């Protein structure tokens, strides 16, 4: 390995804040495949319906598919928890961003 860093923090929330503070990665949630890191694109339900389990087929309408490996994504039961995590990350990023103010005379 050419590069690495020790991630500080005893719990995942602290570790996330450390990574966001020190490395400032761009935040683009819901855009990459967790399996291969390929780009996700919206896909019509009827195009992926045959790949879905019956409960998912009945319950969800909005889907995305990885352009590289074809894995299908939807905002499942864990969606709310993930949205909260993403919002927390955005607050950390917003807090570290310099705020530009203009004064007028």
C-alpha atoms as a PDB file:
ATOM      1  CA  UNK A   1       0.000   0.000   0.000  1.00  0.00           C
ATOM      2  CA  UNK A   2       1.381   3.388  -0.975  1.00  0.00           C
ATOM      3  CA  UNK A   3      -0.918   5.580   1.090  1.00  0.00           C
ATOM      4  CA  UNK A   4      -2.900   5.089   4.261  1.00  0.00           C
ATOM      5  CA  UNK A   5      -4.092   6.778   7.382  1.00  0.00           C
ATOM      6  CA  UNK A   6      -5.150   5.808  10.850  1.00  0.00           C
ATOM      7  CA  UNK A   7      -8.825   6.610  11.278  1.00  0.00           C
ATOM      8  CA  UNK A   8      -9.395   8.123  14.693  1.00  0.00           C
ATOM      9  CA  UNK A   9     -12.418   7.478  16.835  1.00  0.00           C
ATOM     10  CA  UNK A  10     -13.817   4.671  18.958  1.00  0.00           C
ATOM     11  CA  UNK A  11     -17.202   4.447  17.243  1.00  0.00           C
ATOM     12  CA  UNK A  12     -18.364   4.652  13.616  1.00  0.00           C
ATOM     13  CA  UNK A  13     -19.869   8.156  14.009  1.00  0.00           C
ATOM     14  CA  UNK A  14     -16.562   9.547  15.330  1.00  0.00           C
ATOM     15  CA  UNK A  15     -14.641   7.734  12.600  1.00  0.00           C
ATOM     16  CA  UNK A  16     -16.893   9.200   9.908  1.00  0.00           C
ATOM     17  CA  UNK A  17     -16.395  12.719  11.296  1.00  0.00           C
ATOM     18  CA  UNK A  18     -12.612  12.149  11.325  1.00  0.00           C
ATOM     19  CA  UNK A  19     -12.547  11.034   7.682  1.00  0.00           C
ATOM     20  CA  UNK A  20     -14.790  13.912   6.586  1.00  0.00           C
ATOM     21  CA  UNK A  21     -12.752  16.488   8.540  1.00  0.00           C
ATOM     22  CA  UNK A  22      -9.293  15.318   7.464  1.00  0.00           C
ATOM     23  CA  UNK A  23      -9.807  14.126   3.907  1.00  0.00           C
ATOM     24  CA  UNK A  24     -12.819  16.138   2.746  1.00  0.00           C
ATOM     25  CA  UNK A  25     -14.082  13.558   0.251  1.00  0.00           C
ATOM     26  CA  UNK A  26     -16.791  14.798  -2.095  1.00  0.00           C
ATOM     27  CA  UNK A  27     -20.232  13.693  -0.952  1.00  0.00           C
ATOM     28  CA  UNK A  28     -22.328  12.128  -3.687  1.00  0.00           C
ATOM     29  CA  UNK A  29     -24.655   9.713  -1.903  1.00  0.00           C
ATOM     30  CA  UNK A  30     -26.716   7.192  -3.811  1.00  0.00           C
ATOM     31  CA  UNK A  31     -24.506   7.418  -6.919  1.00  0.00           C
ATOM     32  CA  UNK A  32     -22.109   4.445  -6.604  1.00  0.00           C
ATOM     33  CA  UNK A  33     -22.505   0.673  -6.411  1.00  0.00           C
ATOM     34  CA  UNK A  34     -21.413  -0.816  -3.093  1.00  0.00           C
ATOM     35  CA  UNK A  35     -20.290  -4.004  -4.887  1.00  0.00           C
ATOM     36  CA  UNK A  36     -18.054  -2.611  -7.662  1.00  0.00           C
ATOM     37  CA  UNK A  37     -18.089   1.203  -7.281  1.00  0.00           C
ATOM     38  CA  UNK A  38     -19.746   1.585 -10.696  1.00  0.00           C
ATOM     39  CA  UNK A  39     -22.123   4.451 -11.390  1.00  0.00           C
ATOM     40  CA  UNK A  40     -25.806   3.992 -10.545  1.00  0.00           C
ATOM     41  CA  UNK A  41     -28.509   5.090 -12.945  1.00  0.00           C
ATOM     42  CA  UNK A  42     -32.284   5.247 -12.513  1.00  0.00           C
ATOM     43  CA  UNK A  43     -34.107   2.289 -14.005  1.00  0.00           C
ATOM     44  CA  UNK A  44     -37.791   1.631 -14.604  1.00  0.00           C
ATOM     45  CA  UNK A  45     -39.345  -0.937 -12.309  1.00  0.00           C
ATOM     46  CA  UNK A  46     -40.557  -3.029 -15.240  1.00  0.00           C
ATOM     47  CA  UNK A  47     -36.927  -3.452 -16.392  1.00  0.00           C
ATOM     48  CA  UNK A  48     -35.814  -5.024 -13.089  1.00  0.00           C
ATOM     49  CA  UNK A  49     -39.065  -6.542 -11.820  1.00  0.00           C
ATOM     50  CA  UNK A  50     -37.953 -10.063 -12.725  1.00  0.00           C
ATOM     51  CA  UNK A  51     -34.928  -9.653 -10.415  1.00  0.00           C
ATOM     52  CA  UNK A  52     -36.948  -8.565  -7.364  1.00  0.00           C
ATOM     53  CA  UNK A  53     -38.376 -10.633  -4.545  1.00  0.00           C
ATOM     54  CA  UNK A  54     -42.173 -10.512  -4.247  1.00  0.00           C
ATOM     55  CA  UNK A  55     -42.163  -8.217  -1.180  1.00  0.00           C
ATOM     56  CA  UNK A  56     -39.806  -5.743  -2.820  1.00  0.00           C
ATOM     57  CA  UNK A  57     -41.832  -5.862  -6.030  1.00  0.00           C
ATOM     58  CA  UNK A  58     -45.031  -5.024  -4.094  1.00  0.00           C
ATOM     59  CA  UNK A  59     -43.552  -2.364  -1.813  1.00  0.00           C
ATOM     60  CA  UNK A  60     -41.132  -0.217  -3.838  1.00  0.00           C
ATOM     61  CA  UNK A  61     -41.455   1.771  -7.063  1.00  0.00           C
ATOM     62  CA  UNK A  62     -38.125   3.623  -7.473  1.00  0.00           C
ATOM     63  CA  UNK A  63     -34.983   1.717  -8.464  1.00  0.00           C
ATOM     64  CA  UNK A  64     -31.431   2.260  -9.656  1.00  0.00           C
ATOM     65  CA  UNK A  65     -29.054  -0.155 -11.353  1.00  0.00           C
ATOM     66  CA  UNK A  66     -25.274  -0.255 -11.543  1.00  0.00           C
ATOM     67  CA  UNK A  67     -24.015   0.419 -15.062  1.00  0.00           C
ATOM     68  CA  UNK A  68     -21.052  -1.920 -14.498  1.00  0.00           C
ATOM     69  CA  UNK A  69     -22.312  -5.004 -12.678  1.00  0.00           C
ATOM     70  CA  UNK A  70     -26.103  -4.669 -12.952  1.00  0.00           C
ATOM     71  CA  UNK A  71     -26.825  -4.789  -9.208  1.00  0.00           C
ATOM     72  CA  UNK A  72     -30.246  -3.272  -8.429  1.00  0.00           C
ATOM     73  CA  UNK A  73     -30.830  -0.758  -5.603  1.00  0.00           C
ATOM     74  CA  UNK A  74     -33.880   0.713  -3.883  1.00  0.00           C
ATOM     75  CA  UNK A  75     -34.534   2.632  -0.669  1.00  0.00           C
ATOM     76  CA  UNK A  76     -35.431  -0.359   1.485  1.00  0.00           C
ATOM     77  CA  UNK A  77     -36.231  -0.717   5.162  1.00  0.00           C
ATOM     78  CA  UNK A  78     -32.829   0.742   6.027  1.00  0.00           C
ATOM     79  CA  UNK A  79     -33.427   3.847   3.863  1.00  0.00           C
ATOM     80  CA  UNK A  80     -34.404   6.153   6.704  1.00  0.00           C
ATOM     81  CA  UNK A  81     -31.341   5.199   8.762  1.00  0.00           C
ATOM     82  CA  UNK A  82     -29.058   5.777   5.773  1.00  0.00           C
ATOM     83  CA  UNK A  83     -30.702   9.133   4.989  1.00  0.00           C
ATOM     84  CA  UNK A  84     -30.023  10.198   8.595  1.00  0.00           C
ATOM     85  CA  UNK A  85     -26.382   9.139   8.248  1.00  0.00           C
ATOM     86  CA  UNK A  86     -26.011  11.079   4.971  1.00  0.00           C
ATOM     87  CA  UNK A  87     -27.604  14.177   6.518  1.00  0.00           C
ATOM     88  CA  UNK A  88     -25.188  13.945   9.454  1.00  0.00           C
ATOM     89  CA  UNK A  89     -22.251  13.763   7.027  1.00  0.00           C
ATOM     90  CA  UNK A  90     -23.571  16.789   5.133  1.00  0.00           C
ATOM     91  CA  UNK A  91     -23.724  18.774   8.393  1.00  0.00           C
ATOM     92  CA  UNK A  92     -20.079  17.909   9.127  1.00  0.00           C
ATOM     93  CA  UNK A  93     -19.066  18.999   5.621  1.00  0.00           C
ATOM     94  CA  UNK A  94     -21.142  22.193   5.819  1.00  0.00           C
ATOM     95  CA  UNK A  95     -19.595  23.048   9.199  1.00  0.00           C
ATOM     96  CA  UNK A  96     -16.063  22.783   7.830  1.00  0.00           C
ATOM     97  CA  UNK A  97     -16.821  24.794   4.671  1.00  0.00           C
ATOM     98  CA  UNK A  98     -15.873  28.449   4.929  1.00  0.00           C
ATOM     99  CA  UNK A  99     -18.860  30.735   4.767  1.00  0.00           C
ATOM    100  CA  UNK A 100     -18.436  33.644   2.432  1.00  0.00           C
ATOM    101  CA  UNK A 101     -20.097  36.864   3.512  1.00  0.00           C
ATOM    102  CA  UNK A 102     -20.185  40.103   1.623  1.00  0.00           C
ATOM    103  CA  UNK A 103     -20.448  43.468   3.269  1.00  0.00           C
ATOM    104  CA  UNK A 104     -22.122  46.361   1.598  1.00  0.00           C
ATOM    105  CA  UNK A 105     -21.672  49.951   2.622  1.00  0.00           C
END
